[in-house]
Amino acid sequence: MLRFIIKRLWYGLLVLFGVVTVVFFLFNILPGDPARMMLGQRADIASVEAINKDLGRDKPLHIQYFNFLNDISPVSVHNTINEGSYWYFDDEKYTGVELIPLGGTGIFLKKPYLRRSYQSQRKVSEILSEAFPKTMLLAGVSILFALIFGVGIGVLLAVKKNVILDRVALVFSVLGMSIPSFFAAILNAWIFAFVLVEYTGLNMFGSLYSVDDYGRGEYLDLKNLILPALTLGIRPLAIVVELTRSSLLDVLGQDYIRTAKAKGLGKFRIIGKHALKNALNPVITAVSGWFASLMAGAVFVEYVFDWKGVGVVIVDSLEKYDFPVIMGAVLFISVILVIINIFVDIIYGFLDPRVRFA
């Protein structure tokens, strides 16, 4: 099992290395001078050269690439003497400790440094650390909504198969899987926050925290989470309904279920104690994968509802050509996807020993 885990971790690192490489070269061959973006109308040759030197852009592209790898790596090599060197361990940039001193140079254990925003001059890690919890909350509530209601509806459809309700629900499941997230977001916002606003009391644009009527401070306003979470959870809800129904129907046809019926056990006890537990394996698999996708796919939903998460950060940065923020966000999401996939693979290895030899 240890060999299997190490193998999956190694594959994950290779994927991350590929993503880092693609992201770096993609954004560094795009037109535009970051120094002039930062200085605006105040740009002069001396200032532009100074900022490009600070960013390391005065060096050849392959040197910039290795500098970038050194910055984002948790274990890196830095100069400890020459403050004018790009490799100098500047406390304003890096947060970490020296592991191995090498006389003027040292190997450090540090937080990955994702550079600074061209526009706000803030660290990209700070910007993402503020936005990520909101995206995490939105994705978590969405997948919880999809799991609870999807399993319940799927069980109901399996028990009441081949009736009108079953067929109507299947049509809505197909529609839920087919509707793009941005279209569903606009549609839900229009219906529930504009047409039916008198009855729902929901806002199209709202943040997790709202200011009270007296301006005395912020308070937690969870009602603003309803529409974006509902919109983001529609597609995984449709998947969970379909998977639960088909898997439960398959389990209900097994021999041990027929034996339980022959012993006189009630329908609810058979489903709740025996059938549902075995039918949920594909559902859990789908949910784990969808959760990772929701973290990346929340961009359109967040933008439509002005939810101040990673999605809004990415869109704003694209509009302003703020490349370090975009690169940092892409790498951040990639790390989350890889970690979740590795975690799911390890769980598969424990549940099914055959996976370890795949």
Foldseek 3Di string as FASTA:
>chain_A
DVVLLVVLVVVLVVVLVVLLVCLLVVLVVDDDQLQCLLCPPNDDPVSSVVVCVLLVVVDDSVVNSVLLVQQQDQKHKAFDPDPSDNRHPDPVQWDWDFDADDDRMTITGTHRFLAAWSHPRHGLVVLQVVFAVLLLVLLVLLLVVLQVLLLVLLVVCLVVDPDPSNVVLLVQLVVLQPDALLVLLVVLCCVPAPVVCVPNVEHLADEQWDADPVRPDIDGDCSNSPSLSPSLNSNSSSVSSVQNNVLLNVQCPDPVVVVCVVVPDDPVCSCPPPRNVVSCPVVVVSSLLSSLVSSVSSLSNCVRRVYRHLSVQLVVCVVSVRSSNNSVSSSVSSSSNSVSVSVVLVVCCVVPVVSSVD
